[in-house]
Amino acid sequence: MSQAKPESDLATAKTTALLYVVDDEPMVGDVVQAILKMGGYETVFFQDPTVAFKTLSEANPKPTLLLTDFQMPQMTGRELILRCKKAHPALKTILYSGNVQEDTVAFYPARPDRFLRKPFSPKTLIDLVQAVLSE
């Protein structure tokens, strides 16, 4: 007999999910982080993907979800996802980009759970995060 989750369980799941946001553009990262915080999520922002990977590798508890920009000078979002998934296979991922199309990402060996095209609205971001976390 399955029952729908009470609202309190959903709220608890939302506040216990730790999200990493990785973007070499601090302004974009700050906006994404602010939207997620308004949505009730705990976030940590990284401007350098190598620092994000090192932190994830050593973190306890590990993040639930990684949101990363595609184009960054130190390491692409695709490479970051590949490395992070090796270190933490249960990690959910969202890759966002303003200059790469979703069909390009389909050919990568380590695909993100979802792809988000920039620019995106706060509601689109929150809805997508909720969808990925509930899978």
Protein backbone atom coordinates (compact mmCIF):
# COMPACT_ATOMS: atom_id res chain seq x y z
CA MET A 1 0.00 0.00 0.00
CA SER A 2 1.78 3.13 -1.16
CA GLN A 3 0.90 6.53 0.14
CA ALA A 4 1.72 9.99 -1.14
CA LYS A 5 4.49 11.70 0.78
CA PRO A 6 3.22 14.28 3.24
CA GLU A 7 4.31 17.86 2.60
CA SER A 8 6.60 17.77 5.64
CA ASP A 9 8.62 14.91 4.09
CA LEU A 10 9.03 16.89 0.87
CA ALA A 11 10.12 19.97 2.79
CA THR A 12 12.65 17.89 4.74
CA ALA A 13 14.03 16.38 1.54
CA LYS A 14 14.39 19.86 0.08
CA THR A 15 16.31 21.29 3.03
CA THR A 16 18.58 18.25 3.40
CA ALA A 17 19.65 18.23 -0.26
CA LEU A 18 23.07 19.85 -0.65
CA LEU A 19 23.65 21.43 -4.06
CA TYR A 20 27.00 22.43 -5.55
CA VAL A 21 26.91 25.26 -8.10
CA VAL A 22 29.99 25.62 -10.33
CA ASP A 23 30.42 28.57 -12.70
CA ASP A 24 33.52 30.59 -13.61
CA GLU A 25 31.31 33.69 -13.89
CA PRO A 26 30.70 34.80 -10.28
CA MET A 27 27.65 36.89 -11.22
CA VAL A 28 25.92 33.90 -12.88
CA GLY A 29 26.86 31.62 -9.99
CA ASP A 30 25.52 34.11 -7.46
CA VAL A 31 22.20 34.37 -9.32
CA VAL A 32 21.82 30.57 -9.59
CA GLN A 33 22.70 30.21 -5.90
CA ALA A 34 20.24 32.94 -4.87
CA ILE A 35 17.41 31.30 -6.87
CA LEU A 36 18.14 27.92 -5.28
CA LYS A 37 18.25 29.42 -1.79
CA MET A 38 14.85 31.07 -2.43
CA GLY A 39 13.67 27.58 -3.39
CA GLY A 40 14.79 26.30 0.02
CA TYR A 41 17.99 24.54 -1.01
CA GLU A 42 21.35 24.56 0.74
CA THR A 43 24.03 25.51 -1.78
CA VAL A 44 27.79 25.87 -2.03
CA PHE A 45 29.20 27.95 -4.89
CA PHE A 46 32.53 27.30 -6.60
CA GLN A 47 34.12 29.53 -9.21
CA ASP A 48 36.87 26.98 -9.96
CA PRO A 49 35.77 23.47 -11.07
CA THR A 50 39.02 21.90 -9.82
CA VAL A 51 38.29 23.20 -6.30
CA ALA A 52 34.70 21.91 -6.61
CA PHE A 53 35.95 18.44 -7.56
CA LYS A 54 38.52 18.35 -4.74
CA THR A 55 35.89 19.48 -2.23
CA LEU A 56 33.36 16.90 -3.47
CA SER A 57 35.96 14.13 -3.29
CA GLU A 58 36.69 14.92 0.36
CA ALA A 59 33.18 15.96 1.44
CA ASN A 60 31.14 14.10 4.01
CA PRO A 61 28.26 14.29 3.48
CA LYS A 62 28.53 14.46 -0.30
CA PRO A 63 26.31 16.83 -2.30
CA THR A 64 23.09 15.46 -3.76
CA LEU A 65 23.20 17.53 -6.95
CA LEU A 66 25.83 19.30 -9.02
CA LEU A 67 24.79 22.22 -11.26
CA THR A 68 27.59 23.32 -13.53
CA ASP A 69 28.20 25.63 -16.43
CA PHE A 70 29.59 23.96 -19.55
CA GLN A 71 32.23 26.46 -20.68
CA MET A 72 34.91 27.18 -18.06
CA PRO A 73 38.64 27.77 -18.61
CA GLN A 74 40.04 25.32 -16.03
CA MET A 75 37.82 22.33 -16.92
CA THR A 76 34.55 21.98 -18.87
CA GLY A 77 31.34 21.14 -17.05
CA ARG A 78 31.33 17.82 -18.93
CA GLU A 79 34.78 16.91 -17.55
CA LEU A 80 33.69 17.99 -14.07
CA ILE A 81 30.59 15.76 -14.26
CA LEU A 82 32.70 12.81 -15.45
CA ARG A 83 35.19 13.18 -12.58
CA CYS A 84 32.52 13.81 -9.94
CA LYS A 85 30.42 10.80 -11.06
CA LYS A 86 33.52 8.57 -10.69
CA ALA A 87 34.07 9.87 -7.14
CA HIS A 88 30.36 9.86 -6.23
CA PRO A 89 28.26 7.64 -8.58
CA ALA A 90 24.93 8.57 -6.93
CA LEU A 91 25.46 12.29 -7.72
CA LYS A 92 22.69 13.92 -9.76
CA THR A 93 23.85 16.48 -12.32
CA ILE A 94 22.52 19.41 -14.33
CA LEU A 95 24.67 20.98 -17.03
CA TYR A 96 23.74 24.46 -18.24
CA SER A 97 25.07 26.47 -21.14
CA GLY A 98 24.35 29.45 -23.31
CA ASN A 99 26.55 28.31 -26.20
CA VAL A 100 26.26 24.49 -26.41
CA GLN A 101 23.15 22.68 -27.62
CA GLU A 102 21.58 19.75 -25.77
CA ASP A 103 22.06 17.38 -28.73
CA THR A 104 25.84 17.96 -28.53
CA VAL A 105 25.81 16.79 -24.91
CA ALA A 106 24.00 13.56 -25.90
CA PHE A 107 27.23 12.18 -27.39
CA TYR A 108 29.29 12.50 -24.20
CA PRO A 109 30.18 9.35 -22.25
CA ALA A 110 29.18 10.98 -18.95
CA ARG A 111 25.89 12.71 -19.65
CA PRO A 112 24.23 15.04 -17.17
CA ASP A 113 20.83 14.02 -15.78
CA ARG A 114 19.45 17.17 -17.38
CA PHE A 115 20.57 19.99 -19.66
CA LEU A 116 19.44 23.57 -19.12
CA ARG A 117 19.78 26.22 -21.80
CA LYS A 118 20.76 29.75 -20.69
CA PRO A 119 19.09 32.11 -20.14
CA PHE A 120 16.55 30.37 -17.90
CA SER A 121 13.88 31.64 -15.51
CA PRO A 122 14.00 31.05 -11.74
CA LYS A 123 10.89 28.85 -12.02
CA THR A 124 12.48 26.71 -14.76
CA LEU A 125 15.59 26.20 -12.61
CA ILE A 126 13.65 25.28 -9.44
CA ASP A 127 11.27 22.97 -11.35
CA LEU A 128 14.19 21.18 -13.00
CA VAL A 129 16.10 20.77 -9.72
CA GLN A 130 12.95 19.36 -8.06
CA ALA A 131 12.44 16.93 -10.97
CA VAL A 132 16.04 15.67 -10.88
CA LEU A 133 16.05 15.29 -7.09
CA SER A 134 12.79 13.32 -7.12
CA GLU A 135 14.07 10.76 -9.65
